[in-house]
Amino acid sequence: MHKGMSTEPTTAELRESFNRAPLMRFSGWTFDRACAAPLILWALKKSALARRRGVHHPSQGSLI
């Protein structure tokens, strides 16, 4: 891990992760509800940490 980097994503980073998942919003999920669901929160955290490291996976719209 890089020096000075926290292991936990910030609320802003989590919100950005949530905003990058439009299907969550289309399905009626709110940011607060997503953070209250342990598995969804875990996925948001992993997404935020991956974004922080610069890992960007290509979107595969055909899977949606």
C-alpha atoms as a PDB file:
ATOM      1  CA  MET A   1       0.000   0.000   0.000  1.00  0.00           C
ATOM      2  CA  HIS A   2       1.186   3.497  -0.751  1.00  0.00           C
ATOM      3  CA  LYS A   3       2.404   5.636   2.094  1.00  0.00           C
ATOM      4  CA  GLY A   4      -0.315   7.856   3.570  1.00  0.00           C
ATOM      5  CA  MET A   5      -3.113   5.883   1.934  1.00  0.00           C
ATOM      6  CA  SER A   6      -5.909   4.752   4.208  1.00  0.00           C
ATOM      7  CA  THR A   7      -7.085   1.169   3.909  1.00  0.00           C
ATOM      8  CA  GLU A   8     -10.744   2.194   4.118  1.00  0.00           C
ATOM      9  CA  PRO A   9     -12.344   4.190   1.322  1.00  0.00           C
ATOM     10  CA  THR A  10     -13.847   7.547   2.189  1.00  0.00           C
ATOM     11  CA  THR A  11     -17.571   8.212   2.016  1.00  0.00           C
ATOM     12  CA  ALA A  12     -16.957  10.237  -1.151  1.00  0.00           C
ATOM     13  CA  GLU A  13     -15.157   7.271  -2.748  1.00  0.00           C
ATOM     14  CA  LEU A  14     -18.011   4.937  -1.754  1.00  0.00           C
ATOM     15  CA  ARG A  15     -20.551   7.346  -3.228  1.00  0.00           C
ATOM     16  CA  GLU A  16     -18.546   7.499  -6.476  1.00  0.00           C
ATOM     17  CA  SER A  17     -18.564   3.693  -6.601  1.00  0.00           C
ATOM     18  CA  PHE A  18     -22.315   3.686  -6.091  1.00  0.00           C
ATOM     19  CA  ASN A  19     -22.747   6.290  -8.825  1.00  0.00           C
ATOM     20  CA  ARG A  20     -20.756   4.092 -11.226  1.00  0.00           C
ATOM     21  CA  ALA A  21     -23.390   1.348 -10.761  1.00  0.00           C
ATOM     22  CA  PRO A  22     -26.493   2.790 -12.431  1.00  0.00           C
ATOM     23  CA  LEU A  23     -28.344  -0.532 -12.195  1.00  0.00           C
ATOM     24  CA  MET A  24     -28.404  -0.104  -8.424  1.00  0.00           C
ATOM     25  CA  ARG A  25     -30.260   3.197  -8.745  1.00  0.00           C
ATOM     26  CA  PHE A  26     -32.543   1.866 -11.495  1.00  0.00           C
ATOM     27  CA  SER A  27     -33.449  -1.006  -9.175  1.00  0.00           C
ATOM     28  CA  GLY A  28     -34.517   1.450  -6.485  1.00  0.00           C
ATOM     29  CA  TRP A  29     -31.456   1.247  -4.256  1.00  0.00           C
ATOM     30  CA  THR A  30     -30.270   4.373  -2.451  1.00  0.00           C
ATOM     31  CA  PHE A  31     -26.719   5.003  -1.317  1.00  0.00           C
ATOM     32  CA  ASP A  32     -27.756   4.627   2.342  1.00  0.00           C
ATOM     33  CA  ARG A  33     -29.560   1.347   1.670  1.00  0.00           C
ATOM     34  CA  ALA A  34     -26.550   0.022  -0.261  1.00  0.00           C
ATOM     35  CA  CYS A  35     -24.215   0.894   2.618  1.00  0.00           C
ATOM     36  CA  ALA A  36     -26.521  -0.892   5.064  1.00  0.00           C
ATOM     37  CA  ALA A  37     -26.299  -4.158   3.097  1.00  0.00           C
ATOM     38  CA  PRO A  38     -23.004  -5.864   4.054  1.00  0.00           C
ATOM     39  CA  LEU A  39     -22.357  -7.556   0.692  1.00  0.00           C
ATOM     40  CA  ILE A  40     -23.171  -4.439  -1.313  1.00  0.00           C
ATOM     41  CA  LEU A  41     -21.007  -2.308   0.986  1.00  0.00           C
ATOM     42  CA  TRP A  42     -18.147  -4.805   0.529  1.00  0.00           C
ATOM     43  CA  ALA A  43     -18.489  -4.526  -3.266  1.00  0.00           C
ATOM     44  CA  LEU A  44     -18.555  -0.710  -3.106  1.00  0.00           C
ATOM     45  CA  LYS A  45     -15.430  -0.717  -0.949  1.00  0.00           C
ATOM     46  CA  LYS A  46     -13.588  -3.032  -3.342  1.00  0.00           C
ATOM     47  CA  SER A  47     -14.654  -0.874  -6.288  1.00  0.00           C
ATOM     48  CA  ALA A  48     -13.439   2.282  -4.540  1.00  0.00           C
ATOM     49  CA  LEU A  49     -10.089   0.708  -3.639  1.00  0.00           C
ATOM     50  CA  ALA A  50      -9.616  -0.600  -7.181  1.00  0.00           C
ATOM     51  CA  ARG A  51     -10.372   2.868  -8.579  1.00  0.00           C
ATOM     52  CA  ARG A  52      -7.868   4.351  -6.122  1.00  0.00           C
ATOM     53  CA  ARG A  53      -5.204   1.946  -7.415  1.00  0.00           C
ATOM     54  CA  GLY A  54      -6.067   2.859 -10.995  1.00  0.00           C
ATOM     55  CA  VAL A  55      -7.601  -0.486 -11.948  1.00  0.00           C
ATOM     56  CA  HIS A  56     -10.310   0.121 -14.550  1.00  0.00           C
ATOM     57  CA  HIS A  57     -12.089  -2.837 -16.051  1.00  0.00           C
ATOM     58  CA  PRO A  58     -13.796  -2.373 -19.382  1.00  0.00           C
ATOM     59  CA  SER A  59     -17.552  -2.172 -19.344  1.00  0.00           C
ATOM     60  CA  GLN A  60     -19.320  -5.142 -20.882  1.00  0.00           C
ATOM     61  CA  GLY A  61     -22.771  -3.913 -21.723  1.00  0.00           C
ATOM     62  CA  SER A  62     -23.705  -7.193 -23.368  1.00  0.00           C
ATOM     63  CA  LEU A  63     -23.660  -8.863 -19.931  1.00  0.00           C
ATOM     64  CA  ILE A  64     -26.312  -6.507 -18.577  1.00  0.00           C
END
